[in-house]
Amino acid sequence: RPPPHRQEQAADTEVDIDPTRKRSVRGKPPRIRHRNKGPLGYVDCYVDDFMALVQGSKRRRRRVRRVLFHCIDRVFRAPDDKDDEWAKDKISLKKLLKGDGALTTLKIILGWLVDTVAGTIELPPH
């Protein structure tokens, strides 16, 4: 089990993307020919943006995010006491507080509004 991360509480911040949007209605499930043994988890990186897609319980989602955060710290070195005041954390606290770290079913990813409950992708409201 990965230990709790220093920015985990900030990553739990959820922001309502579109308050006027109705709650998503679950679509027809896809036909699955081969079942996997458990829920899926996938993390991808585009330049400096990480995207995590995770199925399963809240505990499992938290674990995948912790692993991702600790991996980022291992690659880019977490800030410590020896750093000067201008050194920034590689995991942006500003973005986490805007809701970018929350694992929710409705998310804007690379300019697209992805709704995993309804199974849709659309342009977000402007």
Foldseek 3Di string as FASTA:
>chain_A
DFDDDPCLVLLQAADDQDPVDDDAAAADDDDDDDDDPDWDWDWDDDPLDIDIDTDDDPVVVSVVLSVVVVVVCVVVPADDPPDDPPDDGSPDSVCSNVNSNHDDQWDQDPQWTHHNRHRDIHGGDD
